[in-house]
Amino acid sequence: MKKIFFLLLFTISFTVTNAQEVKTLTYFQNDTLKLDLDLYLPQKKMNEKIPLIIFAFGGGFSGGERTSEKDFGIFMTKNGYAVASISYSLYMKGKDFGCKGTLTEKIKAIQIGVSDMWQATSFLIENANKYNLDASKVFISGISAGAEIGFQASFWDYKLMNLYKNNLPENFKYKGFIGGSGAIQDINLITKEKAMPMLLSHGNSDETVPYSAGSHRSCPTNASGWLILFGSYAVYNHMTDLHKDVELITFCGGGHEFSGYLFHQGQQYVLDFVNDVLKEKKFESHIIIPSDKKGKDSGKYLFCE
């Protein structure tokens, strides 16, 4: 009995220490849909607003769970950040999101997910005072499909593409973007005015989401689901040309299995990135190759051995 008591006490202490507080909140609900988010909150500090990272999971818009990255939420709360891991509409559930799918359906799935992200962002900003959040320091992040949501949400025209009637503050802009194996549909949307600091990671042999410019799922041009995307390396080069802050972690020979790296093994990269952004530290655009992967960085172009 005494052992059980001490085990229970240890479990409670571990939970409180690592995740100061986790709140499950409904950010959208109608007659047919209910969307929740898990808000990880660090211990409150007197008169200090908390920076926020909004996270979207991966799963091809047909699967995945917001609870899958709770370790990331715990890690960031330990270091003074709030994390909101959101659920979003899985429009492609039971449908083909690959080469035999329908292009309009694939784009619609992304648009719905992006609108959900904007809805969650609006909800969190509206409730910022309630949860001691700093509405001027909101980062956006995601894995795979979640990173595609993050890319589009950062650069699409909110008033044109939003499917909801909610309103983000005028001239709202995310503080930075953290994406694992994501891509944007139109790279020209990233302009000098709209560009924000980015931390990206990607395998250069990814056949699901292209590392550079290419087709989603490596589909041929005559496929009904053919969709051109600009992956992390294409965005890296574009940001470099704009003289904007960007870091890219490349896994030489790696595929889509590295999509979650930043939020699993690479959490320290994320922490260093958001700290540097908030300190307004200017960092040179460069490619980082993890030590366990062979490769060499030759200026702007990456050559993997």
Protein backbone atom coordinates (compact mmCIF):
# COMPACT_ATOMS: atom_id res chain seq x y z
CA MET A 1 0.00 0.00 0.00
CA LYS A 2 2.85 2.36 0.89
CA LYS A 3 4.55 1.57 -2.45
CA ILE A 4 1.36 2.39 -4.33
CA PHE A 5 1.05 5.71 -2.48
CA PHE A 6 4.61 6.77 -3.31
CA LEU A 7 4.17 5.64 -6.93
CA LEU A 8 1.01 7.75 -7.20
CA LEU A 9 2.75 10.70 -5.58
CA PHE A 10 5.67 10.38 -8.02
CA THR A 11 3.31 10.20 -11.00
CA ILE A 12 1.46 13.35 -9.91
CA SER A 13 4.71 15.19 -9.24
CA PHE A 14 6.09 14.14 -12.64
CA THR A 15 2.99 15.40 -14.42
CA VAL A 16 2.94 18.75 -12.64
CA THR A 17 6.68 19.28 -13.12
CA ASN A 18 6.77 18.45 -16.82
CA ALA A 19 3.45 19.89 -17.99
CA GLN A 20 2.44 22.60 -15.57
CA GLU A 21 -1.09 22.54 -16.89
CA VAL A 22 -2.95 21.02 -19.85
CA LYS A 23 -6.40 22.29 -20.79
CA THR A 24 -8.60 20.68 -23.44
CA LEU A 25 -10.67 23.43 -25.05
CA THR A 26 -13.29 23.43 -27.80
CA TYR A 27 -12.36 26.11 -30.33
CA PHE A 28 -15.08 25.36 -32.88
CA GLN A 29 -18.44 23.62 -32.78
CA ASN A 30 -21.54 23.45 -34.94
CA ASP A 31 -24.29 20.87 -35.51
CA THR A 32 -21.95 18.38 -37.18
CA LEU A 33 -18.42 19.21 -36.07
CA LYS A 34 -16.56 19.74 -32.81
CA LEU A 35 -12.88 20.69 -32.83
CA ASP A 36 -10.73 20.70 -29.72
CA LEU A 37 -7.22 21.72 -28.85
CA ASP A 38 -4.90 20.81 -26.00
CA LEU A 39 -3.32 23.89 -24.48
CA TYR A 40 -0.08 23.18 -22.61
CA LEU A 41 0.67 26.01 -20.21
CA PRO A 42 3.86 26.64 -18.24
CA GLN A 43 3.82 27.92 -14.70
CA LYS A 44 2.58 31.50 -14.72
CA LYS A 45 5.04 34.27 -14.06
CA MET A 46 3.99 37.57 -12.54
CA ASN A 47 3.00 40.12 -15.22
CA GLU A 48 4.65 38.10 -17.99
CA LYS A 49 2.73 37.00 -21.07
CA ILE A 50 3.56 33.58 -22.52
CA PRO A 51 4.66 33.07 -26.16
CA LEU A 52 2.56 30.47 -27.98
CA ILE A 53 3.31 27.74 -30.52
CA ILE A 54 0.30 26.33 -32.39
CA PHE A 55 0.88 22.80 -33.68
CA ALA A 56 -0.90 20.68 -36.33
CA PHE A 57 -0.25 16.92 -36.53
CA GLY A 58 0.41 14.91 -39.70
CA GLY A 59 -1.63 12.17 -41.31
CA GLY A 60 -2.52 13.04 -44.89
CA PHE A 61 -5.72 14.87 -43.86
CA SER A 62 -7.26 11.46 -43.15
CA GLY A 63 -5.76 10.40 -39.80
CA GLY A 64 -3.60 11.42 -36.88
CA GLU A 65 -4.20 12.70 -33.35
CA ARG A 66 -3.45 16.01 -31.65
CA THR A 67 -2.28 14.08 -28.57
CA SER A 68 0.56 12.42 -30.50
CA GLU A 69 2.97 15.27 -29.77
CA LYS A 70 2.37 15.68 -26.04
CA ASP A 71 6.09 15.23 -25.35
CA PHE A 72 6.77 18.32 -27.46
CA GLY A 73 4.16 20.26 -25.50
CA ILE A 74 5.70 19.16 -22.21
CA PHE A 75 9.23 20.06 -23.36
CA MET A 76 8.24 23.55 -24.44
CA THR A 77 6.25 24.29 -21.26
CA LYS A 78 9.31 23.36 -19.23
CA ASN A 79 11.11 26.10 -21.15
CA GLY A 80 8.48 28.82 -20.74
CA TYR A 81 6.34 28.40 -23.87
CA ALA A 82 2.69 27.53 -24.31
CA VAL A 83 1.76 24.97 -26.97
CA ALA A 84 -1.68 24.50 -28.53
CA SER A 85 -1.95 21.14 -30.31
CA ILE A 86 -5.07 21.35 -32.44
CA SER A 87 -7.48 18.90 -34.00
CA TYR A 88 -8.63 19.78 -37.50
CA SER A 89 -11.08 18.40 -40.06
CA LEU A 90 -9.90 15.14 -41.65
CA TYR A 91 -11.68 15.77 -44.94
CA MET A 92 -9.82 13.02 -46.80
CA LYS A 93 -10.76 10.25 -44.39
CA GLY A 94 -11.99 7.36 -46.54
CA LYS A 95 -10.88 9.18 -49.70
CA ASP A 96 -7.80 8.91 -51.91
CA PHE A 97 -5.25 11.62 -51.13
CA GLY A 98 -2.80 10.09 -53.60
CA CYS A 99 -2.34 9.99 -57.35
CA LYS A 100 -5.76 8.46 -58.09
CA GLY A 101 -7.56 11.06 -56.02
CA THR A 102 -9.20 14.25 -57.24
CA LEU A 103 -7.14 17.44 -57.35
CA THR A 104 -10.01 19.67 -56.24
CA GLU A 105 -10.67 17.40 -53.27
CA LYS A 106 -7.01 17.52 -52.21
CA ILE A 107 -6.96 21.30 -52.36
CA LYS A 108 -10.27 21.49 -50.49
CA ALA A 109 -8.85 19.29 -47.72
CA ILE A 110 -5.93 21.69 -47.31
CA GLN A 111 -8.21 24.74 -47.37
CA ILE A 112 -10.45 23.28 -44.67
CA GLY A 113 -7.43 22.43 -42.52
CA VAL A 114 -6.03 25.93 -42.97
CA SER A 115 -9.38 27.49 -42.08
CA ASP A 116 -9.44 25.36 -38.94
CA MET A 117 -5.95 26.61 -38.06
CA TRP A 118 -7.06 30.22 -38.52
CA GLN A 119 -10.13 29.49 -36.39
CA ALA A 120 -7.95 28.05 -33.62
CA THR A 121 -5.58 31.02 -33.86
CA SER A 122 -8.48 33.46 -33.61
CA PHE A 123 -9.90 31.59 -30.60
CA LEU A 124 -6.56 31.65 -28.78
CA ILE A 125 -6.01 35.33 -29.47
CA GLU A 126 -9.50 36.17 -28.25
CA ASN A 127 -8.80 34.22 -25.05
CA ALA A 128 -5.18 35.35 -24.67
CA ASN A 129 -5.76 37.29 -21.46
CA LYS A 130 -7.64 34.39 -19.91
CA TYR A 131 -4.67 32.06 -20.38
CA ASN A 132 -1.92 34.66 -20.01
CA LEU A 133 -0.82 34.29 -23.67
CA ASP A 134 1.13 36.87 -25.66
CA ALA A 135 -0.97 37.43 -28.79
CA SER A 136 1.94 39.23 -30.48
CA LYS A 137 4.21 36.17 -30.18
CA VAL A 138 2.36 33.33 -31.89
CA PHE A 139 4.35 30.71 -33.83
CA ILE A 140 2.81 28.17 -36.20
CA SER A 141 4.12 24.64 -36.66
CA GLY A 142 3.28 21.21 -38.01
CA ILE A 143 4.32 17.84 -39.38
CA SER A 144 3.68 16.74 -42.99
CA ALA A 145 -0.01 17.59 -43.64
CA GLY A 146 0.15 19.80 -40.56
CA ALA A 147 3.18 21.58 -42.03
CA GLU A 148 1.25 22.09 -45.27
CA ILE A 149 -1.49 23.68 -43.18
CA GLY A 150 1.15 25.87 -41.52
CA PHE A 151 2.67 26.99 -44.81
CA GLN A 152 -0.65 27.89 -46.39
CA ALA A 153 -2.01 29.51 -43.22
CA SER A 154 1.09 31.72 -43.09
CA PHE A 155 0.90 32.99 -46.65
CA TRP A 156 -2.55 32.49 -48.13
CA ASP A 157 -4.87 35.51 -48.31
CA TYR A 158 -6.91 35.10 -45.14
CA LYS A 159 -9.89 37.13 -46.36
CA LEU A 160 -10.03 35.25 -49.66
CA MET A 161 -9.38 31.66 -48.55
CA ASN A 162 -10.96 31.45 -45.10
CA LEU A 163 -14.09 29.27 -44.96
CA TYR A 164 -15.23 30.66 -41.62
CA LYS A 165 -16.56 34.07 -40.66
CA ASN A 166 -14.24 34.63 -37.74
CA ASN A 167 -11.74 37.46 -37.84
CA LEU A 168 -8.08 37.54 -37.02
CA PRO A 169 -6.74 40.93 -35.93
CA GLU A 170 -6.04 43.31 -38.80
CA ASN A 171 -2.53 42.77 -40.20
CA PHE A 172 -2.01 39.70 -38.00
CA LYS A 173 1.17 37.77 -38.77
CA TYR A 174 2.64 34.67 -37.19
CA LYS A 175 5.98 35.24 -35.51
CA GLY A 176 7.66 32.30 -37.20
CA PHE A 177 7.08 28.90 -38.82
CA ILE A 178 8.42 25.47 -37.83
CA GLY A 179 7.74 22.75 -40.37
CA GLY A 180 8.64 19.08 -40.71
CA SER A 181 8.51 17.76 -44.31
CA GLY A 182 5.96 20.32 -45.44
CA ALA A 183 5.39 22.24 -48.67
CA ILE A 184 3.62 25.27 -50.08
CA GLN A 185 1.49 25.32 -53.22
CA ASP A 186 2.66 28.68 -54.54
CA ILE A 187 6.17 29.75 -53.52
CA ASN A 188 5.62 33.25 -54.91
CA LEU A 189 3.25 33.92 -52.01
CA ILE A 190 6.37 34.19 -49.83
CA THR A 191 7.34 37.81 -50.42
CA LYS A 192 9.75 40.11 -48.61
CA GLU A 193 6.80 41.69 -46.83
CA LYS A 194 5.17 38.39 -45.79
CA ALA A 195 8.29 36.34 -45.09
CA MET A 196 8.86 35.23 -41.51
CA PRO A 197 11.70 33.31 -39.84
CA MET A 198 11.52 29.59 -40.59
CA LEU A 199 12.95 26.39 -39.18
CA LEU A 200 12.45 23.48 -41.59
CA SER A 201 13.46 19.82 -41.74
CA HIS A 202 13.13 17.37 -44.62
CA GLY A 203 14.59 14.20 -46.10
CA ASN A 204 16.00 14.87 -49.56
CA SER A 205 14.63 11.55 -50.87
CA ASP A 206 11.08 12.13 -49.62
CA GLU A 207 8.62 10.58 -52.11
CA THR A 208 5.51 11.78 -50.27
CA VAL A 209 6.15 15.51 -49.99
CA PRO A 210 8.85 16.79 -52.37
CA TYR A 211 12.08 18.07 -50.83
CA SER A 212 12.38 20.67 -53.61
CA ALA A 213 9.79 21.46 -56.29
CA GLY A 214 7.85 18.42 -57.42
CA SER A 215 4.58 16.56 -57.40
CA HIS A 216 2.81 15.41 -54.26
CA ARG A 217 3.23 11.64 -53.72
CA SER A 218 5.54 11.67 -56.79
CA CYS A 219 2.46 11.45 -59.03
CA PRO A 220 2.90 11.60 -62.84
CA THR A 221 1.57 14.69 -64.62
CA ASN A 222 -1.34 12.73 -66.14
CA ALA A 223 -2.61 11.54 -62.75
CA SER A 224 -5.98 12.87 -61.59
CA GLY A 225 -4.42 13.75 -58.22
CA TRP A 226 -1.35 15.50 -59.63
CA LEU A 227 -0.44 18.49 -57.46
CA ILE A 228 2.74 20.53 -57.72
CA LEU A 229 4.30 21.52 -54.40
CA PHE A 230 7.35 23.47 -53.30
CA GLY A 231 9.09 21.65 -50.47
CA SER A 232 11.53 22.75 -47.79
CA TYR A 233 14.61 23.04 -50.01
CA ALA A 234 12.76 25.14 -52.60
CA VAL A 235 11.52 27.39 -49.80
CA TYR A 236 15.02 27.55 -48.33
CA ASN A 237 16.48 28.79 -51.63
CA HIS A 238 13.63 31.26 -52.09
CA MET A 239 14.05 32.66 -48.58
CA THR A 240 17.79 32.94 -49.12
CA ASP A 241 17.19 34.92 -52.31
CA LEU A 242 14.94 37.24 -50.30
CA HIS A 243 17.68 37.56 -47.63
CA LYS A 244 15.31 36.27 -44.98
CA ASP A 245 16.07 34.09 -41.95
CA VAL A 246 15.71 30.36 -42.58
CA GLU A 247 17.28 27.17 -41.29
CA LEU A 248 16.92 23.79 -42.97
CA ILE A 249 17.82 20.43 -41.48
CA THR A 250 18.36 17.97 -44.33
CA PHE A 251 18.44 14.19 -43.94
CA CYS A 252 20.60 12.93 -46.79
CA GLY A 253 18.91 9.93 -48.37
CA GLY A 254 16.07 10.26 -45.89
CA GLY A 255 12.41 9.92 -46.74
CA HIS A 256 9.15 11.00 -45.17
CA GLU A 257 9.95 9.08 -41.99
CA PHE A 258 11.91 12.13 -40.80
CA SER A 259 8.85 14.41 -40.89
CA GLY A 260 8.51 14.44 -37.10
CA TYR A 261 12.19 14.97 -36.28
CA LEU A 262 11.92 18.55 -35.01
CA PHE A 263 9.15 17.65 -32.59
CA HIS A 264 10.72 14.41 -31.36
CA GLN A 265 14.52 14.18 -31.38
CA GLY A 266 15.11 17.78 -32.48
CA GLN A 267 13.13 19.68 -29.85
CA GLN A 268 16.22 21.65 -28.83
CA TYR A 269 16.45 23.04 -32.37
CA VAL A 270 12.91 24.37 -31.98
CA LEU A 271 13.66 25.91 -28.60
CA ASP A 272 16.82 27.61 -29.87
CA PHE A 273 14.93 28.87 -32.93
CA VAL A 274 12.00 30.46 -31.07
CA ASN A 275 14.38 31.94 -28.49
CA ASP A 276 16.49 33.53 -31.24
CA VAL A 277 13.43 34.90 -33.03
CA LEU A 278 12.04 36.50 -29.88
CA LYS A 279 15.45 37.98 -29.11
CA GLU A 280 15.39 39.39 -32.67
CA LYS A 281 18.67 37.65 -33.29
CA LYS A 282 19.59 37.64 -36.96
CA PHE A 283 20.92 34.31 -38.14
CA GLU A 284 22.44 33.52 -41.50
CA SER A 285 20.47 31.17 -43.70
CA HIS A 286 22.16 27.80 -43.68
CA ILE A 287 21.61 24.10 -44.02
CA ILE A 288 22.25 21.87 -41.03
CA ILE A 289 23.09 18.23 -41.66
CA PRO A 290 22.77 16.04 -38.55
CA SER A 291 26.05 14.29 -37.68
CA ASP A 292 24.61 10.84 -38.29
CA LYS A 293 23.91 11.63 -41.93
CA LYS A 294 26.52 11.87 -44.65
CA GLY A 295 26.64 15.01 -46.73
CA LYS A 296 28.42 18.23 -47.38
CA ASP A 297 27.14 21.76 -47.58
CA SER A 298 28.61 23.67 -50.50
CA GLY A 299 27.20 27.17 -50.20
CA LYS A 300 23.66 27.43 -51.48
CA TYR A 301 23.47 23.91 -52.88
CA LEU A 302 23.46 20.70 -50.90
CA PHE A 303 25.23 17.60 -52.17
CA CYS A 304 24.60 14.35 -50.30
CA GLU A 305 27.15 11.56 -50.58
